[in-house]
Amino acid sequence: MKKFKIKLFTTILASGLSLSTQAADSLNIYAWAESIKPELISEFEKETGIDVVIDSYTSNEDLLAKLKSGTTNYDLVSPSQHFVDIMIKEGLLENINANSMPAFEAVDEKWKNQWWDKSSEYSIPFAYGSAGFTVNRDLYKGPANSWKEFFEPGEALKGKIAVFATPDEVIPAAQLYLGVPFCSEDSSEMKKVLDLLTKQKEYVAVYSSDNIGSRVGGGEVAIHSWWDGNSLKARKIDSAPIEYAQPKEGLVGWIDSLVVPKGASNVNNAKKFINWISEKDNATAQANYYGHSPAVAIDLSKSIYTQVNSPELFPTVPVVMARSCSPKAQKLVDRVWTSLLE
């Protein structure tokens, strides 16, 4: 798993400091890789005296597995909507009375009391966007307006396709293309998904959610699964010759929220950080760094992303939010993915 750290993770010192003493001035965050602006972490530390440590992950599945292992020391994590739902149902999150926090007042009304946290007690929405695919325009000159280019590429693209390493957004994308409902419990429909992915496999160079920018931007592959804001930043900041596709069948939607794992040692510090980063100036700086759409109010006059210069964030096609599945449907998803990678 790819990791970066703002500080080295410290252990209890030999001098005998207790865990409770350390907890008073610590905050351990587990977040999407490169998702939080480092300068904001430094500012938060200076203002509060709280030492922040960050580890990173690249998939919701990794995060869920880590929390279910019960061996983490994390105080704050940021799962996507369907995983918030799963984590609440499995008792993996603290009820932080999110709807009474100052941060909640900054949340866009459309994201409050949603199906993944109907009472808005566990989560504060953080950022949202879409998962689709990006094409390298030096290597691929064809259209980028259908999932067909990704799932049923031409012979010239054999070995030039790269796909996310986990099924979370790949299988929903295949379902959008085939017209199969998300979380289908119909084995015959999911067989169609497996057949599609199996046929695509001979064109796939790698299944990976790491180093996507260098892989597609550098021309190792011509088409790669990716997220809207990441593709945007690679195009604008790195001047990569890429384009984020707008498939007519739709994009897979996501919204990440800030939540506190059950049993966290530093719940109050986590809530302080959530409130702090949701303040308008901080939220604006964070949104400009992250490159995804903010779920809380920002200063639009200071936003560097607009509909004109950032089409990735303003899709012209439907965005369909991924959902948590029933045990029966999830079993079919797992079976499809396991069969694919055998």
C-alpha atoms as a PDB file:
ATOM      1  CA  MET A   1       0.000   0.000   0.000  1.00  0.00           C
ATOM      2  CA  LYS A   2       1.328   3.430  -0.902  1.00  0.00           C
ATOM      3  CA  LYS A   3       1.943   5.603   2.149  1.00  0.00           C
ATOM      4  CA  PHE A   4       3.109   9.104   2.881  1.00  0.00           C
ATOM      5  CA  LYS A   5       3.565  10.687   6.288  1.00  0.00           C
ATOM      6  CA  ILE A   6       3.515  14.252   7.483  1.00  0.00           C
ATOM      7  CA  LYS A   7       5.527  13.093  10.517  1.00  0.00           C
ATOM      8  CA  LEU A   8       7.074   9.828  11.548  1.00  0.00           C
ATOM      9  CA  PHE A   9       4.551   7.733  13.432  1.00  0.00           C
ATOM     10  CA  THR A  10       5.596   7.795  17.091  1.00  0.00           C
ATOM     11  CA  THR A  11       5.208   5.087  19.687  1.00  0.00           C
ATOM     12  CA  ILE A  12       4.889   5.474  23.417  1.00  0.00           C
ATOM     13  CA  LEU A  13       8.227   6.753  24.623  1.00  0.00           C
ATOM     14  CA  ALA A  14      10.435   4.747  26.925  1.00  0.00           C
ATOM     15  CA  SER A  15      10.197   7.613  29.389  1.00  0.00           C
ATOM     16  CA  GLY A  16       6.833   6.255  30.413  1.00  0.00           C
ATOM     17  CA  LEU A  17       4.338   8.643  28.790  1.00  0.00           C
ATOM     18  CA  SER A  18       0.902   7.054  28.935  1.00  0.00           C
ATOM     19  CA  LEU A  19      -1.379   6.571  25.975  1.00  0.00           C
ATOM     20  CA  SER A  20      -3.864   9.007  27.491  1.00  0.00           C
ATOM     21  CA  THR A  21      -1.145  11.670  27.748  1.00  0.00           C
ATOM     22  CA  GLN A  22      -0.179  11.205  24.118  1.00  0.00           C
ATOM     23  CA  ALA A  23      -3.798  11.221  23.010  1.00  0.00           C
ATOM     24  CA  ALA A  24      -4.228  14.745  24.309  1.00  0.00           C
ATOM     25  CA  ASP A  25      -1.985  16.235  21.611  1.00  0.00           C
ATOM     26  CA  SER A  26      -2.107  13.706  18.761  1.00  0.00           C
ATOM     27  CA  LEU A  27      -4.236  13.019  15.706  1.00  0.00           C
ATOM     28  CA  ASN A  28      -3.708   9.994  13.474  1.00  0.00           C
ATOM     29  CA  ILE A  29      -5.348  10.274  10.066  1.00  0.00           C
ATOM     30  CA  TYR A  30      -5.830   7.576   7.424  1.00  0.00           C
ATOM     31  CA  ALA A  31      -6.808   9.299   4.174  1.00  0.00           C
ATOM     32  CA  TRP A  32      -6.770   8.947   0.422  1.00  0.00           C
ATOM     33  CA  ALA A  33      -3.243   9.357  -0.908  1.00  0.00           C
ATOM     34  CA  GLU A  34      -2.249  13.013  -1.338  1.00  0.00           C
ATOM     35  CA  SER A  35      -5.759  14.178  -0.484  1.00  0.00           C
ATOM     36  CA  ILE A  36      -5.048  16.724   2.273  1.00  0.00           C
ATOM     37  CA  LYS A  37      -2.927  19.791   1.660  1.00  0.00           C
ATOM     38  CA  PRO A  38       0.314  19.436   3.711  1.00  0.00           C
ATOM     39  CA  GLU A  39       0.462  23.161   4.456  1.00  0.00           C
ATOM     40  CA  LEU A  40      -2.981  22.961   6.043  1.00  0.00           C
ATOM     41  CA  ILE A  41      -1.785  20.180   8.305  1.00  0.00           C
ATOM     42  CA  SER A  42       1.118  22.372   9.399  1.00  0.00           C
ATOM     43  CA  GLU A  43      -1.196  25.317  10.054  1.00  0.00           C
ATOM     44  CA  PHE A  44      -3.551  23.152  12.088  1.00  0.00           C
ATOM     45  CA  GLU A  45      -0.647  21.883  14.177  1.00  0.00           C
ATOM     46  CA  LYS A  46       0.584  25.419  14.868  1.00  0.00           C
ATOM     47  CA  GLU A  47      -2.860  26.686  15.818  1.00  0.00           C
ATOM     48  CA  THR A  48      -3.831  23.775  18.048  1.00  0.00           C
ATOM     49  CA  GLY A  49      -0.592  22.203  19.284  1.00  0.00           C
ATOM     50  CA  ILE A  50      -1.881  18.848  18.028  1.00  0.00           C
ATOM     51  CA  ASP A  51       0.660  16.629  16.268  1.00  0.00           C
ATOM     52  CA  VAL A  52      -0.794  15.109  13.102  1.00  0.00           C
ATOM     53  CA  VAL A  53       0.317  11.852  11.482  1.00  0.00           C
ATOM     54  CA  ILE A  54      -1.072  10.767   8.113  1.00  0.00           C
ATOM     55  CA  ASP A  55      -1.050   7.359   6.441  1.00  0.00           C
ATOM     56  CA  SER A  56      -2.636   6.862   3.045  1.00  0.00           C
ATOM     57  CA  TYR A  57      -4.656   4.310   1.103  1.00  0.00           C
ATOM     58  CA  THR A  58      -5.822   4.016  -2.505  1.00  0.00           C
ATOM     59  CA  SER A  59      -9.049   2.043  -2.160  1.00  0.00           C
ATOM     60  CA  ASN A  60     -12.110   1.859   0.067  1.00  0.00           C
ATOM     61  CA  GLU A  61     -11.534  -1.874   0.333  1.00  0.00           C
ATOM     62  CA  ASP A  62      -8.122  -1.299   1.918  1.00  0.00           C
ATOM     63  CA  LEU A  63      -9.638   1.106   4.418  1.00  0.00           C
ATOM     64  CA  LEU A  64     -12.467  -1.258   5.350  1.00  0.00           C
ATOM     65  CA  ALA A  65     -10.094  -4.182   5.804  1.00  0.00           C
ATOM     66  CA  LYS A  66      -7.863  -2.073   8.028  1.00  0.00           C
ATOM     67  CA  LEU A  67     -10.742  -0.998  10.274  1.00  0.00           C
ATOM     68  CA  LYS A  68     -12.169  -4.522  10.476  1.00  0.00           C
ATOM     69  CA  SER A  69      -8.785  -5.832  11.564  1.00  0.00           C
ATOM     70  CA  GLY A  70      -9.206  -3.871  14.776  1.00  0.00           C
ATOM     71  CA  THR A  71      -5.483  -3.133  15.029  1.00  0.00           C
ATOM     72  CA  THR A  72      -5.373   0.494  13.902  1.00  0.00           C
ATOM     73  CA  ASN A  73      -4.690   3.624  15.928  1.00  0.00           C
ATOM     74  CA  TYR A  74      -6.489   5.906  13.485  1.00  0.00           C
ATOM     75  CA  ASP A  75      -8.652   8.763  14.700  1.00  0.00           C
ATOM     76  CA  LEU A  76      -9.974  10.050  11.384  1.00  0.00           C
ATOM     77  CA  VAL A  77     -10.642   8.371   8.011  1.00  0.00           C
ATOM     78  CA  SER A  78     -12.460   9.386   4.823  1.00  0.00           C
ATOM     79  CA  PRO A  79     -14.482   6.583   3.184  1.00  0.00           C
ATOM     80  CA  SER A  80     -16.802   7.004   0.220  1.00  0.00           C
ATOM     81  CA  GLN A  81     -20.568   7.056   0.688  1.00  0.00           C
ATOM     82  CA  HIS A  82     -21.352   3.341   0.302  1.00  0.00           C
ATOM     83  CA  PHE A  83     -18.523   2.440   2.647  1.00  0.00           C
ATOM     84  CA  VAL A  84     -19.799   4.922   5.238  1.00  0.00           C
ATOM     85  CA  ASP A  85     -23.063   2.989   5.094  1.00  0.00           C
ATOM     86  CA  ILE A  86     -21.266  -0.337   5.498  1.00  0.00           C
ATOM     87  CA  MET A  87     -19.135   0.936   8.371  1.00  0.00           C
ATOM     88  CA  ILE A  88     -22.118   2.329  10.265  1.00  0.00           C
ATOM     89  CA  LYS A  89     -24.013  -0.942   9.899  1.00  0.00           C
ATOM     90  CA  GLU A  90     -20.992  -2.954  11.048  1.00  0.00           C
ATOM     91  CA  GLY A  91     -20.417  -0.752  14.096  1.00  0.00           C
ATOM     92  CA  LEU A  92     -17.042   0.497  12.911  1.00  0.00           C
ATOM     93  CA  LEU A  93     -17.674   4.225  13.427  1.00  0.00           C
ATOM     94  CA  GLU A  94     -18.145   6.550  16.383  1.00  0.00           C
ATOM     95  CA  ASN A  95     -21.356   8.546  16.616  1.00  0.00           C
ATOM     96  CA  ILE A  96     -19.837  12.037  16.746  1.00  0.00           C
ATOM     97  CA  ASN A  97     -23.165  13.903  16.596  1.00  0.00           C
ATOM     98  CA  ALA A  98     -21.982  15.364  13.328  1.00  0.00           C
ATOM     99  CA  ASN A  99     -25.220  17.254  12.791  1.00  0.00           C
ATOM    100  CA  SER A 100     -24.460  19.395  15.854  1.00  0.00           C
ATOM    101  CA  MET A 101     -20.920  20.298  14.794  1.00  0.00           C
ATOM    102  CA  PRO A 102     -19.993  23.697  13.281  1.00  0.00           C
ATOM    103  CA  ALA A 103     -18.707  21.839  10.201  1.00  0.00           C
ATOM    104  CA  PHE A 104     -22.203  20.555   9.483  1.00  0.00           C
ATOM    105  CA  GLU A 105     -23.440  24.106   8.951  1.00  0.00           C
ATOM    106  CA  ALA A 106     -20.965  24.456   6.080  1.00  0.00           C
ATOM    107  CA  VAL A 107     -22.130  21.288   4.299  1.00  0.00           C
ATOM    108  CA  ASP A 108     -24.091  21.758   1.080  1.00  0.00           C
ATOM    109  CA  GLU A 109     -27.742  20.930   1.795  1.00  0.00           C
ATOM    110  CA  LYS A 110     -27.829  18.288  -0.958  1.00  0.00           C
ATOM    111  CA  TRP A 111     -25.341  16.172   0.989  1.00  0.00           C
ATOM    112  CA  LYS A 112     -27.074  16.295   4.379  1.00  0.00           C
ATOM    113  CA  ASN A 113     -29.087  13.357   5.747  1.00  0.00           C
ATOM    114  CA  GLN A 114     -28.331  11.155   2.765  1.00  0.00           C
ATOM    115  CA  TRP A 115     -28.975   7.412   2.627  1.00  0.00           C
ATOM    116  CA  TRP A 116     -25.486   6.500   3.806  1.00  0.00           C
ATOM    117  CA  ASP A 117     -25.973   8.481   7.069  1.00  0.00           C
ATOM    118  CA  LYS A 118     -29.650   9.376   7.254  1.00  0.00           C
ATOM    119  CA  SER A 119     -29.407  11.220  10.550  1.00  0.00           C
ATOM    120  CA  SER A 120     -26.011  12.800   9.755  1.00  0.00           C
ATOM    121  CA  GLU A 121     -24.639  11.652  13.100  1.00  0.00           C
ATOM    122  CA  TYR A 122     -21.499   9.860  11.915  1.00  0.00           C
ATOM    123  CA  SER A 123     -20.076  11.802   8.976  1.00  0.00           C
ATOM    124  CA  ILE A 124     -19.220  15.196   7.550  1.00  0.00           C
ATOM    125  CA  PRO A 125     -19.103  15.208   3.725  1.00  0.00           C
ATOM    126  CA  PHE A 126     -15.695  16.314   2.496  1.00  0.00           C
ATOM    127  CA  ALA A 127     -15.339  16.138  -1.304  1.00  0.00           C
ATOM    128  CA  TYR A 128     -17.129  14.564  -4.248  1.00  0.00           C
ATOM    129  CA  GLY A 129     -16.564  13.658  -7.848  1.00  0.00           C
ATOM    130  CA  SER A 130     -16.581  10.819 -10.341  1.00  0.00           C
ATOM    131  CA  ALA A 131     -14.615   7.781 -11.431  1.00  0.00           C
ATOM    132  CA  GLY A 132     -14.154   7.155 -15.127  1.00  0.00           C
ATOM    133  CA  PHE A 133     -11.217   6.786 -17.466  1.00  0.00           C
ATOM    134  CA  THR A 134      -8.524   9.036 -18.886  1.00  0.00           C
ATOM    135  CA  VAL A 135      -6.952   8.783 -22.332  1.00  0.00           C
ATOM    136  CA  ASN A 136      -3.460   9.784 -23.441  1.00  0.00           C
ATOM    137  CA  ARG A 137      -4.027  11.879 -26.556  1.00  0.00           C
ATOM    138  CA  ASP A 138      -0.528  11.226 -27.886  1.00  0.00           C
ATOM    139  CA  LEU A 139      -1.305   7.517 -28.037  1.00  0.00           C
ATOM    140  CA  TYR A 140      -5.055   7.441 -28.563  1.00  0.00           C
ATOM    141  CA  LYS A 141      -6.754   9.661 -31.149  1.00  0.00           C
ATOM    142  CA  GLY A 142     -10.203   8.083 -31.084  1.00  0.00           C
ATOM    143  CA  PRO A 143     -13.404   9.130 -29.319  1.00  0.00           C
ATOM    144  CA  ALA A 144     -13.720   9.246 -25.526  1.00  0.00           C
ATOM    145  CA  ASN A 145     -17.483   9.401 -25.200  1.00  0.00           C
ATOM    146  CA  SER A 146     -18.426   5.830 -24.338  1.00  0.00           C
ATOM    147  CA  TRP A 147     -17.301   3.052 -22.008  1.00  0.00           C
ATOM    148  CA  LYS A 148     -16.932   1.021 -25.198  1.00  0.00           C
ATOM    149  CA  GLU A 149     -13.478   2.531 -25.751  1.00  0.00           C
ATOM    150  CA  PHE A 150     -12.441   1.273 -22.320  1.00  0.00           C
ATOM    151  CA  PHE A 151     -14.129  -2.128 -22.122  1.00  0.00           C
ATOM    152  CA  GLU A 152     -14.043  -3.106 -25.813  1.00  0.00           C
ATOM    153  CA  PRO A 153     -10.928  -1.428 -27.223  1.00  0.00           C
ATOM    154  CA  GLY A 154      -9.526  -1.965 -30.692  1.00  0.00           C
ATOM    155  CA  GLU A 155      -6.560  -4.211 -31.442  1.00  0.00           C
ATOM    156  CA  ALA A 156      -4.153  -1.258 -31.444  1.00  0.00           C
ATOM    157  CA  LEU A 157      -4.802  -0.855 -27.714  1.00  0.00           C
ATOM    158  CA  LYS A 158      -3.830  -4.391 -26.707  1.00  0.00           C
ATOM    159  CA  GLY A 159      -1.601  -4.069 -23.647  1.00  0.00           C
ATOM    160  CA  LYS A 160      -2.330  -0.338 -23.488  1.00  0.00           C
ATOM    161  CA  ILE A 161      -5.255  -0.367 -21.031  1.00  0.00           C
ATOM    162  CA  ALA A 162      -4.883  -0.107 -17.235  1.00  0.00           C
ATOM    163  CA  VAL A 163      -7.658  -0.735 -14.719  1.00  0.00           C
ATOM    164  CA  PHE A 164      -8.169   0.043 -11.028  1.00  0.00           C
ATOM    165  CA  ALA A 165      -6.911  -2.719  -8.732  1.00  0.00           C
ATOM    166  CA  THR A 166     -10.220  -3.153  -6.912  1.00  0.00           C
ATOM    167  CA  PRO A 167     -13.813  -3.713  -8.084  1.00  0.00           C
ATOM    168  CA  ASP A 168     -15.350  -0.754  -6.258  1.00  0.00           C
ATOM    169  CA  GLU A 169     -15.648   1.473  -9.338  1.00  0.00           C
ATOM    170  CA  VAL A 170     -14.774  -0.946 -12.153  1.00  0.00           C
ATOM    171  CA  ILE A 171     -17.793  -3.213 -11.815  1.00  0.00           C
ATOM    172  CA  PRO A 172     -20.257  -0.284 -11.534  1.00  0.00           C
ATOM    173  CA  ALA A 173     -18.707   1.199 -14.690  1.00  0.00           C
ATOM    174  CA  ALA A 174     -19.229  -2.095 -16.503  1.00  0.00           C
ATOM    175  CA  GLN A 175     -22.797  -2.156 -15.229  1.00  0.00           C
ATOM    176  CA  LEU A 176     -23.401   1.350 -16.581  1.00  0.00           C
ATOM    177  CA  TYR A 177     -22.112   0.250 -19.976  1.00  0.00           C
ATOM    178  CA  LEU A 178     -24.216  -2.921 -20.054  1.00  0.00           C
ATOM    179  CA  GLY A 179     -27.333  -1.390 -18.545  1.00  0.00           C
ATOM    180  CA  VAL A 180     -27.119  -3.695 -15.510  1.00  0.00           C
ATOM    181  CA  PRO A 181     -28.366  -2.142 -12.241  1.00  0.00           C
ATOM    182  CA  PHE A 182     -25.835  -1.459  -9.511  1.00  0.00           C
ATOM    183  CA  CYS A 183     -25.892  -4.154  -6.836  1.00  0.00           C
ATOM    184  CA  SER A 184     -27.740  -6.595  -9.059  1.00  0.00           C
ATOM    185  CA  GLU A 185     -28.694  -9.889  -7.401  1.00  0.00           C
ATOM    186  CA  ASP A 186     -29.254 -11.514 -10.801  1.00  0.00           C
ATOM    187  CA  SER A 187     -26.436 -13.974 -11.494  1.00  0.00           C
ATOM    188  CA  SER A 188     -27.155 -13.940 -15.231  1.00  0.00           C
ATOM    189  CA  GLU A 189     -26.669 -10.160 -15.346  1.00  0.00           C
ATOM    190  CA  MET A 190     -23.452 -10.418 -13.377  1.00  0.00           C
ATOM    191  CA  LYS A 191     -22.288 -13.136 -15.779  1.00  0.00           C
ATOM    192  CA  LYS A 192     -22.522 -10.488 -18.511  1.00  0.00           C
ATOM    193  CA  VAL A 193     -20.286  -8.234 -16.421  1.00  0.00           C
ATOM    194  CA  LEU A 194     -17.741 -11.024 -15.955  1.00  0.00           C
ATOM    195  CA  ASP A 195     -17.776 -11.840 -19.661  1.00  0.00           C
ATOM    196  CA  LEU A 196     -17.139  -8.194 -20.529  1.00  0.00           C
ATOM    197  CA  LEU A 197     -14.261  -7.869 -18.085  1.00  0.00           C
ATOM    198  CA  THR A 198     -12.774 -11.198 -19.148  1.00  0.00           C
ATOM    199  CA  LYS A 199     -12.726 -10.133 -22.807  1.00  0.00           C
ATOM    200  CA  GLN A 200     -11.149  -6.830 -21.807  1.00  0.00           C
ATOM    201  CA  LYS A 201      -8.442  -8.597 -19.784  1.00  0.00           C
ATOM    202  CA  GLU A 202      -6.264  -9.497 -22.781  1.00  0.00           C
ATOM    203  CA  TYR A 203      -5.943  -5.770 -23.473  1.00  0.00           C
ATOM    204  CA  VAL A 204      -5.047  -4.875 -19.863  1.00  0.00           C
ATOM    205  CA  ALA A 205      -1.417  -4.144 -19.028  1.00  0.00           C
ATOM    206  CA  VAL A 206      -1.990  -3.895 -15.283  1.00  0.00           C
ATOM    207  CA  TYR A 207      -4.666  -3.707 -12.601  1.00  0.00           C
ATOM    208  CA  SER A 208      -3.397  -0.907 -10.364  1.00  0.00           C
ATOM    209  CA  SER A 209      -4.615   2.103  -8.410  1.00  0.00           C
ATOM    210  CA  ASP A 210      -1.107   3.433  -7.764  1.00  0.00           C
ATOM    211  CA  ASN A 211       1.087   5.682  -9.931  1.00  0.00           C
ATOM    212  CA  ILE A 212      -1.720   6.307 -12.384  1.00  0.00           C
ATOM    213  CA  GLY A 213      -0.502   9.770 -13.360  1.00  0.00           C
ATOM    214  CA  SER A 214       2.939   8.614 -14.431  1.00  0.00           C
ATOM    215  CA  ARG A 215       1.520   5.547 -16.155  1.00  0.00           C
ATOM    216  CA  VAL A 216      -1.033   7.280 -18.379  1.00  0.00           C
ATOM    217  CA  GLY A 217       0.566  10.732 -18.490  1.00  0.00           C
ATOM    218  CA  GLY A 218       3.951   9.255 -19.353  1.00  0.00           C
ATOM    219  CA  GLY A 219       2.555   7.070 -22.127  1.00  0.00           C
ATOM    220  CA  GLU A 220       3.046   3.641 -20.579  1.00  0.00           C
ATOM    221  CA  VAL A 221      -0.632   3.043 -21.321  1.00  0.00           C
ATOM    222  CA  ALA A 222      -3.111   4.850 -23.541  1.00  0.00           C
ATOM    223  CA  ILE A 223      -6.225   4.500 -21.365  1.00  0.00           C
ATOM    224  CA  HIS A 224      -6.472   4.209 -17.577  1.00  0.00           C
ATOM    225  CA  SER A 225      -9.194   4.106 -14.943  1.00  0.00           C
ATOM    226  CA  TRP A 226      -9.003   7.346 -13.005  1.00  0.00           C
ATOM    227  CA  TRP A 227     -10.777   9.956 -10.946  1.00  0.00           C
ATOM    228  CA  ASP A 228     -11.888  13.340 -12.230  1.00  0.00           C
ATOM    229  CA  GLY A 229      -9.768  15.633 -10.047  1.00  0.00           C
ATOM    230  CA  ASN A 230      -6.625  13.557 -10.355  1.00  0.00           C
ATOM    231  CA  SER A 231      -6.890  13.654 -14.119  1.00  0.00           C
ATOM    232  CA  LEU A 232      -7.552  17.383 -13.936  1.00  0.00           C
ATOM    233  CA  LYS A 233      -4.411  18.081 -11.921  1.00  0.00           C
ATOM    234  CA  ALA A 234      -2.232  15.931 -14.152  1.00  0.00           C
ATOM    235  CA  ARG A 235      -3.480  17.842 -17.185  1.00  0.00           C
ATOM    236  CA  LYS A 236      -3.174  21.311 -15.659  1.00  0.00           C
ATOM    237  CA  ILE A 237      -0.176  21.001 -13.348  1.00  0.00           C
ATOM    238  CA  ASP A 238       1.912  18.375 -15.113  1.00  0.00           C
ATOM    239  CA  SER A 239       0.821  19.373 -18.647  1.00  0.00           C
ATOM    240  CA  ALA A 240       0.100  15.720 -19.400  1.00  0.00           C
ATOM    241  CA  PRO A 241      -1.439  15.140 -22.855  1.00  0.00           C
ATOM    242  CA  ILE A 242      -4.571  13.582 -21.401  1.00  0.00           C
ATOM    243  CA  GLU A 243      -8.330  13.898 -21.496  1.00  0.00           C
ATOM    244  CA  TYR A 244     -10.899  12.726 -18.952  1.00  0.00           C
ATOM    245  CA  ALA A 245     -13.588  10.855 -20.862  1.00  0.00           C
ATOM    246  CA  GLN A 246     -17.281  11.736 -20.760  1.00  0.00           C
ATOM    247  CA  PRO A 247     -18.939   8.362 -21.459  1.00  0.00           C
ATOM    248  CA  LYS A 248     -22.532   8.753 -22.558  1.00  0.00           C
ATOM    249  CA  GLU A 249     -23.560   5.822 -20.359  1.00  0.00           C
ATOM    250  CA  GLY A 250     -22.520   7.821 -17.285  1.00  0.00           C
ATOM    251  CA  LEU A 251     -19.751   8.099 -14.705  1.00  0.00           C
ATOM    252  CA  VAL A 252     -19.544   6.389 -11.312  1.00  0.00           C
ATOM    253  CA  GLY A 253     -20.154   8.966  -8.588  1.00  0.00           C
ATOM    254  CA  TRP A 254     -18.572   9.168  -5.144  1.00  0.00           C
ATOM    255  CA  ILE A 255     -18.536  11.453  -2.132  1.00  0.00           C
ATOM    256  CA  ASP A 256     -15.948  11.051   0.613  1.00  0.00           C
ATOM    257  CA  SER A 257     -16.732  11.994   4.201  1.00  0.00           C
ATOM    258  CA  LEU A 258     -14.717  12.521   7.362  1.00  0.00           C
ATOM    259  CA  VAL A 259     -15.590   9.938  10.019  1.00  0.00           C
ATOM    260  CA  VAL A 260     -14.091   8.675  13.288  1.00  0.00           C
ATOM    261  CA  PRO A 261     -13.340   4.951  13.698  1.00  0.00           C
ATOM    262  CA  LYS A 262     -14.900   3.173  16.668  1.00  0.00           C
ATOM    263  CA  GLY A 263     -12.625   3.232  19.686  1.00  0.00           C
ATOM    264  CA  ALA A 264     -10.444   6.108  18.423  1.00  0.00           C
ATOM    265  CA  SER A 265      -8.194   7.555  21.134  1.00  0.00           C
ATOM    266  CA  ASN A 266      -8.468  11.154  19.938  1.00  0.00           C
ATOM    267  CA  VAL A 267     -12.116  11.751  19.113  1.00  0.00           C
ATOM    268  CA  ASN A 268     -12.088  15.381  20.255  1.00  0.00           C
ATOM    269  CA  ASN A 269      -8.983  16.146  18.205  1.00  0.00           C
ATOM    270  CA  ALA A 270     -10.599  14.522  15.167  1.00  0.00           C
ATOM    271  CA  LYS A 271     -13.669  16.722  15.608  1.00  0.00           C
ATOM    272  CA  LYS A 272     -11.456  19.787  15.981  1.00  0.00           C
ATOM    273  CA  PHE A 273      -9.784  18.981  12.677  1.00  0.00           C
ATOM    274  CA  ILE A 274     -13.103  18.353  10.912  1.00  0.00           C
ATOM    275  CA  ASN A 275     -14.451  21.706  12.083  1.00  0.00           C
ATOM    276  CA  TRP A 276     -11.198  23.493  11.265  1.00  0.00           C
ATOM    277  CA  ILE A 277     -10.796  22.206   7.711  1.00  0.00           C
ATOM    278  CA  SER A 278     -14.481  22.964   7.012  1.00  0.00           C
ATOM    279  CA  GLU A 279     -14.011  26.666   7.775  1.00  0.00           C
ATOM    280  CA  LYS A 280     -14.401  28.612   4.533  1.00  0.00           C
ATOM    281  CA  ASP A 281     -10.810  29.806   4.056  1.00  0.00           C
ATOM    282  CA  ASN A 282      -9.361  26.406   4.919  1.00  0.00           C
ATOM    283  CA  ALA A 283     -11.949  24.585   2.820  1.00  0.00           C
ATOM    284  CA  THR A 284     -11.111  26.825  -0.132  1.00  0.00           C
ATOM    285  CA  ALA A 285      -7.388  26.151   0.166  1.00  0.00           C
ATOM    286  CA  GLN A 286      -8.087  22.434   0.501  1.00  0.00           C
ATOM    287  CA  ALA A 287     -10.369  22.366  -2.559  1.00  0.00           C
ATOM    288  CA  ASN A 288      -7.783  24.204  -4.652  1.00  0.00           C
ATOM    289  CA  TYR A 289      -5.164  21.662  -3.623  1.00  0.00           C
ATOM    290  CA  TYR A 290      -7.241  18.500  -3.932  1.00  0.00           C
ATOM    291  CA  GLY A 291      -8.860  19.292  -7.262  1.00  0.00           C
ATOM    292  CA  HIS A 292     -12.165  17.586  -6.483  1.00  0.00           C
ATOM    293  CA  SER A 293     -15.464  19.347  -5.825  1.00  0.00           C
ATOM    294  CA  PRO A 294     -15.857  20.458  -2.188  1.00  0.00           C
ATOM    295  CA  ALA A 295     -18.907  19.302  -0.223  1.00  0.00           C
ATOM    296  CA  VAL A 296     -18.728  22.342   2.068  1.00  0.00           C
ATOM    297  CA  ALA A 297     -18.971  26.048   1.312  1.00  0.00           C
ATOM    298  CA  ILE A 298     -15.871  27.709  -0.125  1.00  0.00           C
ATOM    299  CA  ASP A 299     -14.948  31.215  -1.285  1.00  0.00           C
ATOM    300  CA  LEU A 300     -15.790  30.953  -4.969  1.00  0.00           C
ATOM    301  CA  SER A 301     -13.879  34.158  -5.703  1.00  0.00           C
ATOM    302  CA  LYS A 302     -10.702  32.304  -4.674  1.00  0.00           C
ATOM    303  CA  SER A 303     -11.481  29.006  -6.399  1.00  0.00           C
ATOM    304  CA  ILE A 304      -9.014  28.176  -9.158  1.00  0.00           C
ATOM    305  CA  TYR A 305     -11.308  25.672 -10.866  1.00  0.00           C
ATOM    306  CA  THR A 306     -14.132  26.792 -13.133  1.00  0.00           C
ATOM    307  CA  GLN A 307     -16.410  25.179 -15.688  1.00  0.00           C
ATOM    308  CA  VAL A 308     -14.275  26.722 -18.434  1.00  0.00           C
ATOM    309  CA  ASN A 309     -10.840  25.552 -17.282  1.00  0.00           C
ATOM    310  CA  SER A 310     -11.850  22.376 -15.438  1.00  0.00           C
ATOM    311  CA  PRO A 311     -14.378  20.348 -17.464  1.00  0.00           C
ATOM    312  CA  GLU A 312     -13.408  17.250 -15.470  1.00  0.00           C
ATOM    313  CA  LEU A 313     -15.303  18.647 -12.467  1.00  0.00           C
ATOM    314  CA  PHE A 314     -18.369  19.623 -14.488  1.00  0.00           C
ATOM    315  CA  PRO A 315     -19.437  16.434 -16.301  1.00  0.00           C
ATOM    316  CA  THR A 316     -21.845  16.654 -19.217  1.00  0.00           C
ATOM    317  CA  VAL A 317     -23.049  13.073 -18.709  1.00  0.00           C
ATOM    318  CA  PRO A 318     -24.993  11.408 -15.866  1.00  0.00           C
ATOM    319  CA  VAL A 319     -23.115  10.694 -12.639  1.00  0.00           C
ATOM    320  CA  VAL A 320     -24.559   7.682 -10.827  1.00  0.00           C
ATOM    321  CA  MET A 321     -23.592   7.290  -7.180  1.00  0.00           C
ATOM    322  CA  ALA A 322     -22.162   3.914  -6.192  1.00  0.00           C
ATOM    323  CA  ARG A 323     -24.195   2.114  -3.529  1.00  0.00           C
ATOM    324  CA  SER A 324     -23.595  -0.436  -0.804  1.00  0.00           C
ATOM    325  CA  CYS A 325     -24.921  -3.827  -1.878  1.00  0.00           C
ATOM    326  CA  SER A 326     -26.917  -6.550  -0.175  1.00  0.00           C
ATOM    327  CA  PRO A 327     -24.917  -9.603   0.947  1.00  0.00           C
ATOM    328  CA  LYS A 328     -26.245 -11.534  -2.052  1.00  0.00           C
ATOM    329  CA  ALA A 329     -25.269  -8.814  -4.514  1.00  0.00           C
ATOM    330  CA  GLN A 330     -21.879  -8.285  -2.870  1.00  0.00           C
ATOM    331  CA  LYS A 331     -21.162 -11.992  -3.092  1.00  0.00           C
ATOM    332  CA  LEU A 332     -21.737 -11.799  -6.847  1.00  0.00           C
ATOM    333  CA  VAL A 333     -19.419  -8.778  -7.117  1.00  0.00           C
ATOM    334  CA  ASP A 334     -16.720 -10.612  -5.193  1.00  0.00           C
ATOM    335  CA  ARG A 335     -17.189 -13.711  -7.340  1.00  0.00           C
ATOM    336  CA  VAL A 336     -16.872 -11.720 -10.558  1.00  0.00           C
ATOM    337  CA  TRP A 337     -13.683 -10.016  -9.388  1.00  0.00           C
ATOM    338  CA  THR A 338     -12.098 -13.166  -8.040  1.00  0.00           C
ATOM    339  CA  SER A 339     -12.882 -15.052 -11.254  1.00  0.00           C
ATOM    340  CA  LEU A 340     -11.458 -12.221 -13.340  1.00  0.00           C
ATOM    341  CA  LEU A 341      -8.118 -12.163 -11.550  1.00  0.00           C
ATOM    342  CA  GLU A 342      -7.626 -15.935 -11.365  1.00  0.00           C
END
